[in-house]
PDB file of N, CA and C in Angstrom:
ATOM      1  N   VAL A   1       0.591  -2.758   8.541  1.00  0.00           N
ATOM      2  CA  VAL A   1       0.160  -2.584   9.917  1.00  0.00           C
ATOM      3  C   VAL A   1       1.328  -2.096  10.766  1.00  0.00           C
ATOM      4  N   ILE A   2       2.479  -2.733  10.624  1.00  0.00           N
ATOM      5  CA  ILE A   2       3.640  -2.369  11.441  1.00  0.00           C
ATOM      6  C   ILE A   2       4.054  -0.917  11.188  1.00  0.00           C
ATOM      7  N   GLN A   3       3.995  -0.462   9.947  1.00  0.00           N
ATOM      8  CA  GLN A   3       4.390   0.910   9.617  1.00  0.00           C
ATOM      9  C   GLN A   3       3.481   1.945  10.271  1.00  0.00           C
ATOM     10  N   HIS A   4       2.214   1.629  10.441  1.00  0.00           N
ATOM     11  CA  HIS A   4       1.263   2.591  11.000  1.00  0.00           C
ATOM     12  C   HIS A   4       1.103   2.464  12.512  1.00  0.00           C
ATOM     13  N   TRP A   5       1.493   1.351  13.071  1.00  0.00           N
ATOM     14  CA  TRP A   5       1.377   1.102  14.512  1.00  0.00           C
ATOM     15  C   TRP A   5       2.750   1.346  15.115  1.00  0.00           C
ATOM     16  N   ARG A   6       3.072   2.573  15.326  1.00  0.00           N
ATOM     17  CA  ARG A   6       4.437   3.012  15.633  1.00  0.00           C
ATOM     18  C   ARG A   6       5.031   2.396  16.883  1.00  0.00           C
ATOM     19  N   ILE A   7       4.227   2.051  17.855  1.00  0.00           N
ATOM     20  CA  ILE A   7       4.772   1.493  19.089  1.00  0.00           C
ATOM     21  C   ILE A   7       5.464   0.149  18.850  1.00  0.00           C
ATOM     22  N   LEU A   8       5.160  -0.501  17.732  1.00  0.00           N
ATOM     23  CA  LEU A   8       5.803  -1.782  17.423  1.00  0.00           C
ATOM     24  C   LEU A   8       7.248  -1.603  16.983  1.00  0.00           C
ATOM     25  N   GLY A   9       7.616  -0.398  16.595  1.00  0.00           N
ATOM     26  CA  GLY A   9       9.003  -0.122  16.226  1.00  0.00           C
ATOM     27  C   GLY A   9       9.489  -0.998  15.087  1.00  0.00           C
ATOM     28  N   THR A  10      10.514  -1.786  15.353  1.00  0.00           N
ATOM     29  CA  THR A  10      11.124  -2.633  14.325  1.00  0.00           C
ATOM     30  C   THR A  10      10.641  -4.076  14.401  1.00  0.00           C
ATOM     31  N   THR A  11       9.480  -4.288  14.954  1.00  0.00           N
ATOM     32  CA  THR A  11       8.916  -5.637  15.030  1.00  0.00           C
ATOM     33  C   THR A  11       8.822  -6.240  13.630  1.00  0.00           C
ATOM     34  N   SER A  12       9.171  -7.506  13.526  1.00  0.00           N
ATOM     35  CA  SER A  12       9.092  -8.195  12.235  1.00  0.00           C
ATOM     36  C   SER A  12       7.662  -8.642  11.962  1.00  0.00           C
ATOM     37  N   LEU A  13       7.416  -9.020  10.729  1.00  0.00           N
ATOM     38  CA  LEU A  13       6.113  -9.571  10.367  1.00  0.00           C
ATOM     39  C   LEU A  13       5.827 -10.835  11.178  1.00  0.00           C
ATOM     40  N   ALA A  14       6.835 -11.670  11.362  1.00  0.00           N
ATOM     41  CA  ALA A  14       6.670 -12.885  12.172  1.00  0.00           C
ATOM     42  C   ALA A  14       6.342 -12.525  13.621  1.00  0.00           C
ATOM     43  N   GLY A  15       6.973 -11.474  14.139  1.00  0.00           N
ATOM     44  CA  GLY A  15       6.694 -11.032  15.504  1.00  0.00           C
ATOM     45  C   GLY A  15       5.268 -10.541  15.666  1.00  0.00           C
ATOM     46  N   LEU A  16       4.781  -9.780  14.694  1.00  0.00           N
ATOM     47  CA  LEU A  16       3.390  -9.322  14.713  1.00  0.00           C
ATOM     48  C   LEU A  16       2.443 -10.516  14.686  1.00  0.00           C
ATOM     49  N   ARG A  17       2.717 -11.436  13.810  1.00  0.00           N
ATOM     50  CA  ARG A  17       1.874 -12.629  13.657  1.00  0.00           C
ATOM     51  C   ARG A  17       1.830 -13.421  14.964  1.00  0.00           C
ATOM     52  N   GLU A  18       3.001 -13.669  15.571  1.00  0.00           N
ATOM     53  CA  GLU A  18       3.071 -14.466  16.797  1.00  0.00           C
ATOM     54  C   GLU A  18       2.450 -13.751  17.989  1.00  0.00           C
ATOM     55  N   SER A  19       2.614 -12.433  18.064  1.00  0.00           N
ATOM     56  CA  SER A  19       2.139 -11.678  19.225  1.00  0.00           C
ATOM     57  C   SER A  19       0.657 -11.336  19.178  1.00  0.00           C
ATOM     58  N   PHE A  20       0.094 -11.162  17.976  1.00  0.00           N
ATOM     59  CA  PHE A  20      -1.272 -10.664  17.892  1.00  0.00           C
ATOM     60  C   PHE A  20      -2.222 -11.466  17.016  1.00  0.00           C
ATOM     61  N   LEU A  21      -1.750 -12.053  15.944  1.00  0.00           N
ATOM     62  CA  LEU A  21      -2.674 -12.624  14.964  1.00  0.00           C
ATOM     63  C   LEU A  21      -2.980 -14.103  15.165  1.00  0.00           C
ATOM     64  N   VAL A  22      -2.029 -14.875  15.647  1.00  0.00           N
ATOM     65  CA  VAL A  22      -2.254 -16.307  15.849  1.00  0.00           C
ATOM     66  C   VAL A  22      -2.754 -16.490  17.277  1.00  0.00           C
ATOM     67  N   ARG A  23      -4.070 -16.564  17.426  1.00  0.00           N
ATOM     68  CA  ARG A  23      -4.710 -16.649  18.739  1.00  0.00           C
ATOM     69  C   ARG A  23      -5.858 -17.627  18.705  1.00  0.00           C
ATOM     70  N   SER A  24      -6.140 -18.183  19.850  1.00  0.00           N
ATOM     71  CA  SER A  24      -7.379 -18.940  20.001  1.00  0.00           C
ATOM     72  C   SER A  24      -8.499 -17.935  20.215  1.00  0.00           C
ATOM     73  N   ALA A  25      -9.664 -18.257  19.706  1.00  0.00           N
ATOM     74  CA  ALA A  25     -10.816 -17.365  19.855  1.00  0.00           C
ATOM     75  C   ALA A  25     -12.090 -18.176  19.705  1.00  0.00           C
ATOM     76  N   GLN A  26     -13.176 -17.610  20.186  1.00  0.00           N
ATOM     77  CA  GLN A  26     -14.493 -18.222  20.037  1.00  0.00           C
ATOM     78  C   GLN A  26     -15.384 -17.278  19.262  1.00  0.00           C
ATOM     79  N   LEU A  27     -16.041 -17.813  18.249  1.00  0.00           N
ATOM     80  CA  LEU A  27     -16.972 -17.037  17.443  1.00  0.00           C
ATOM     81  C   LEU A  27     -18.373 -17.548  17.717  1.00  0.00           C
ATOM     82  N   SER A  28     -19.267 -16.632  18.091  1.00  0.00           N
ATOM     83  CA  SER A  28     -20.646 -17.034  18.384  1.00  0.00           C
ATOM     84  C   SER A  28     -21.611 -16.012  17.799  1.00  0.00           C
ATOM     85  N   LEU A  29     -22.806 -16.467  17.501  1.00  0.00           N
ATOM     86  CA  LEU A  29     -23.851 -15.594  16.976  1.00  0.00           C
ATOM     87  C   LEU A  29     -24.735 -15.166  18.137  1.00  0.00           C
ATOM     88  N   GLN A  30     -24.820 -13.839  18.354  1.00  0.00           N
ATOM     89  CA  GLN A  30     -25.609 -13.297  19.461  1.00  0.00           C
ATOM     90  C   GLN A  30     -26.404 -12.094  18.969  1.00  0.00           C
ATOM     91  N   ASP A  31     -27.700 -12.161  19.122  1.00  0.00           N
ATOM     92  CA  ASP A  31     -28.566 -11.013  18.793  1.00  0.00           C
ATOM     93  C   ASP A  31     -28.298 -10.449  17.397  1.00  0.00           C
ATOM     94  N   GLU A  32     -28.326 -11.287  16.387  1.00  0.00           N
ATOM     95  CA  GLU A  32     -28.170 -10.869  14.990  1.00  0.00           C
ATOM     96  C   GLU A  32     -26.776 -10.350  14.641  1.00  0.00           C
ATOM     97  N   ALA A  33     -25.797 -10.537  15.519  1.00  0.00           N
ATOM     98  CA  ALA A  33     -24.421 -10.123  15.238  1.00  0.00           C
ATOM     99  C   ALA A  33     -23.469 -11.225  15.692  1.00  0.00           C
ATOM    100  N   TRP A  34     -22.311 -11.270  15.071  1.00  0.00           N
ATOM    101  CA  TRP A  34     -21.279 -12.202  15.495  1.00  0.00           C
ATOM    102  C   TRP A  34     -20.480 -11.578  16.625  1.00  0.00           C
ATOM    103  N   ARG A  35     -20.037 -12.404  17.561  1.00  0.00           N
ATOM    104  CA  ARG A  35     -19.161 -11.953  18.639  1.00  0.00           C
ATOM    105  C   ARG A  35     -17.916 -12.824  18.605  1.00  0.00           C
ATOM    106  N   LEU A  36     -16.762 -12.183  18.475  1.00  0.00           N
ATOM    107  CA  LEU A  36     -15.483 -12.876  18.457  1.00  0.00           C
ATOM    108  C   LEU A  36     -14.762 -12.571  19.761  1.00  0.00           C
ATOM    109  N   ALA A  37     -14.607 -13.574  20.607  1.00  0.00           N
ATOM    110  CA  ALA A  37     -13.911 -13.424  21.884  1.00  0.00           C
ATOM    111  C   ALA A  37     -12.502 -13.991  21.715  1.00  0.00           C
ATOM    112  N   VAL A  38     -11.511 -13.117  21.737  1.00  0.00           N
ATOM    113  CA  VAL A  38     -10.122 -13.494  21.497  1.00  0.00           C
ATOM    114  C   VAL A  38      -9.431 -13.759  22.831  1.00  0.00           C
ATOM    115  N   GLU A  39      -8.675 -14.852  22.886  1.00  0.00           N
ATOM    116  CA  GLU A  39      -7.940 -15.201  24.100  1.00  0.00           C
ATOM    117  C   GLU A  39      -6.882 -14.129  24.383  1.00  0.00           C
ATOM    118  N   PRO A  40      -6.762 -13.684  25.635  1.00  0.00           N
ATOM    119  CA  PRO A  40      -5.783 -12.638  25.968  1.00  0.00           C
ATOM    120  C   PRO A  40      -4.346 -13.098  25.721  1.00  0.00           C
ATOM    121  N   GLY A  41      -3.476 -12.125  25.436  1.00  0.00           N
ATOM    122  CA  GLY A  41      -2.062 -12.395  25.217  1.00  0.00           C
ATOM    123  C   GLY A  41      -1.202 -11.410  25.991  1.00  0.00           C
ATOM    124  N   PRO A  42       0.102 -11.693  26.108  1.00  0.00           N
ATOM    125  CA  PRO A  42       0.985 -10.882  26.951  1.00  0.00           C
ATOM    126  C   PRO A  42       1.237  -9.458  26.445  1.00  0.00           C
ATOM    127  N   PHE A  43       1.003  -9.169  25.178  1.00  0.00           N
ATOM    128  CA  PHE A  43       1.290  -7.836  24.639  1.00  0.00           C
ATOM    129  C   PHE A  43       0.024  -7.039  24.336  1.00  0.00           C
ATOM    130  N   ASP A  44      -1.108  -7.472  24.851  1.00  0.00           N
ATOM    131  CA  ASP A  44      -2.384  -6.833  24.517  1.00  0.00           C
ATOM    132  C   ASP A  44      -2.471  -5.373  24.935  1.00  0.00           C
ATOM    133  N   MET A  45      -1.656  -4.948  25.901  1.00  0.00           N
ATOM    134  CA  MET A  45      -1.701  -3.543  26.309  1.00  0.00           C
ATOM    135  C   MET A  45      -1.303  -2.617  25.164  1.00  0.00           C
ATOM    136  N   LEU A  46      -0.593  -3.148  24.175  1.00  0.00           N
ATOM    137  CA  LEU A  46      -0.203  -2.343  23.011  1.00  0.00           C
ATOM    138  C   LEU A  46      -1.390  -2.039  22.098  1.00  0.00           C
ATOM    139  N   LEU A  47      -2.473  -2.786  22.252  1.00  0.00           N
ATOM    140  CA  LEU A  47      -3.670  -2.522  21.451  1.00  0.00           C
ATOM    141  C   LEU A  47      -4.218  -1.121  21.711  1.00  0.00           C
ATOM    142  N   ASP A  48      -3.943  -0.582  22.900  1.00  0.00           N
ATOM    143  CA  ASP A  48      -4.393   0.777  23.224  1.00  0.00           C
ATOM    144  C   ASP A  48      -3.723   1.823  22.331  1.00  0.00           C
ATOM    145  N   GLN A  49      -2.612   1.480  21.705  1.00  0.00           N
ATOM    146  CA  GLN A  49      -1.865   2.409  20.862  1.00  0.00           C
ATOM    147  C   GLN A  49      -2.198   2.275  19.375  1.00  0.00           C
ATOM    148  N   LEU A  50      -3.137   1.403  19.039  1.00  0.00           N
ATOM    149  CA  LEU A  50      -3.532   1.256  17.632  1.00  0.00           C
ATOM    150  C   LEU A  50      -4.149   2.557  17.121  1.00  0.00           C
ATOM    151  N   PRO A  51      -3.773   2.998  15.922  1.00  0.00           N
ATOM    152  CA  PRO A  51      -4.353   4.233  15.393  1.00  0.00           C
ATOM    153  C   PRO A  51      -5.719   4.031  14.738  1.00  0.00           C
ATOM    154  N   TRP A  52      -6.338   2.891  14.901  1.00  0.00           N
ATOM    155  CA  TRP A  52      -7.668   2.611  14.365  1.00  0.00           C
ATOM    156  C   TRP A  52      -8.397   1.694  15.342  1.00  0.00           C
ATOM    157  N   GLY A  53      -9.699   1.590  15.196  1.00  0.00           N
ATOM    158  CA  GLY A  53     -10.503   0.741  16.062  1.00  0.00           C
ATOM    159  C   GLY A  53     -10.547  -0.698  15.569  1.00  0.00           C
ATOM    160  N   TYR A  54     -10.851  -1.601  16.463  1.00  0.00           N
ATOM    161  CA  TYR A  54     -10.940  -3.014  16.100  1.00  0.00           C
ATOM    162  C   TYR A  54     -12.117  -3.716  16.779  1.00  0.00           C
ATOM    163  N   THR A  55     -12.905  -2.996  17.547  1.00  0.00           N
ATOM    164  CA  THR A  55     -13.963  -3.652  18.315  1.00  0.00           C
ATOM    165  C   THR A  55     -15.213  -3.961  17.505  1.00  0.00           C
ATOM    166  N   THR A  56     -15.429  -3.263  16.405  1.00  0.00           N
ATOM    167  CA  THR A  56     -16.578  -3.533  15.543  1.00  0.00           C
ATOM    168  C   THR A  56     -16.100  -3.607  14.099  1.00  0.00           C
ATOM    169  N   LEU A  57     -16.427  -4.706  13.446  1.00  0.00           N
ATOM    170  CA  LEU A  57     -16.041  -4.904  12.046  1.00  0.00           C
ATOM    171  C   LEU A  57     -17.290  -4.983  11.193  1.00  0.00           C
ATOM    172  N   ARG A  58     -17.312  -4.178  10.138  1.00  0.00           N
ATOM    173  CA  ARG A  58     -18.460  -4.173   9.231  1.00  0.00           C
ATOM    174  C   ARG A  58     -17.981  -3.800   7.834  1.00  0.00           C
ATOM    175  N   HIS A  59     -18.257  -4.665   6.878  1.00  0.00           N
ATOM    176  CA  HIS A  59     -17.932  -4.409   5.477  1.00  0.00           C
ATOM    177  C   HIS A  59     -19.213  -4.551   4.660  1.00  0.00           C
ATOM    178  N   PRO A  60     -19.309  -3.905   3.519  1.00  0.00           N
ATOM    179  CA  PRO A  60     -20.534  -3.955   2.714  1.00  0.00           C
ATOM    180  C   PRO A  60     -20.967  -5.368   2.334  1.00  0.00           C
ATOM    181  N   TRP A  61     -20.035  -6.276   2.182  1.00  0.00           N
ATOM    182  CA  TRP A  61     -20.366  -7.635   1.765  1.00  0.00           C
ATOM    183  C   TRP A  61     -20.791  -8.532   2.926  1.00  0.00           C
ATOM    184  N   MET A  62     -20.687  -8.039   4.162  1.00  0.00           N
ATOM    185  CA  MET A  62     -21.034  -8.842   5.341  1.00  0.00           C
ATOM    186  C   MET A  62     -22.517  -8.722   5.659  1.00  0.00           C
ATOM    187  N   GLU A  63     -23.146  -9.833   5.936  1.00  0.00           N
ATOM    188  CA  GLU A  63     -24.553  -9.813   6.328  1.00  0.00           C
ATOM    189  C   GLU A  63     -24.735  -9.383   7.777  1.00  0.00           C
ATOM    190  N   ARG A  64     -23.743  -9.656   8.610  1.00  0.00           N
ATOM    191  CA  ARG A  64     -23.820  -9.311  10.035  1.00  0.00           C
ATOM    192  C   ARG A  64     -22.532  -8.623  10.472  1.00  0.00           C
ATOM    193  N   VAL A  65     -22.655  -7.750  11.431  1.00  0.00           N
ATOM    194  CA  VAL A  65     -21.500  -7.090  12.022  1.00  0.00           C
ATOM    195  C   VAL A  65     -20.776  -8.092  12.934  1.00  0.00           C
ATOM    196  N   ILE A  66     -19.476  -7.872  13.150  1.00  0.00           N
ATOM    197  CA  ILE A  66     -18.702  -8.681  14.094  1.00  0.00           C
ATOM    198  C   ILE A  66     -18.247  -7.762  15.220  1.00  0.00           C
ATOM    199  N   HIS A  67     -18.599  -8.103  16.446  1.00  0.00           N
ATOM    200  CA  HIS A  67     -18.119  -7.389  17.631  1.00  0.00           C
ATOM    201  C   HIS A  67     -16.956  -8.194  18.195  1.00  0.00           C
ATOM    202  N   VAL A  68     -15.826  -7.522  18.401  1.00  0.00           N
ATOM    203  CA  VAL A  68     -14.610  -8.198  18.845  1.00  0.00           C
ATOM    204  C   VAL A  68     -14.329  -7.848  20.298  1.00  0.00           C
ATOM    205  N   ASP A  69     -14.179  -8.870  21.125  1.00  0.00           N
ATOM    206  CA  ASP A  69     -13.760  -8.712  22.526  1.00  0.00           C
ATOM    207  C   ASP A  69     -12.325  -9.217  22.610  1.00  0.00           C
ATOM    208  N   TRP A  70     -11.370  -8.283  22.630  1.00  0.00           N
ATOM    209  CA  TRP A  70      -9.971  -8.679  22.590  1.00  0.00           C
ATOM    210  C   TRP A  70      -9.320  -8.543  23.960  1.00  0.00           C
ATOM    211  N   ARG A  71      -9.870  -7.673  24.803  1.00  0.00           N
ATOM    212  CA  ARG A  71      -9.276  -7.474  26.129  1.00  0.00           C
ATOM    213  C   ARG A  71     -10.357  -7.373  27.167  1.00  0.00           C
TER     214      ARG A  71
END
């Protein structure tokens, strides 16, 4: 992730984990889909620089799509 998300520069794996991955969130089932509401964090403006989307997650093995509200 760090290699492809260039704005992170030399951020360590621990820095990525602390800044973006370890978050409080609420998961709820709404209209046949899951909704994940992630608590805002101080570096969330960097999400605009991600080279891929994160608002909808769908894999072949999933019965329902997950809609992510991160900001």
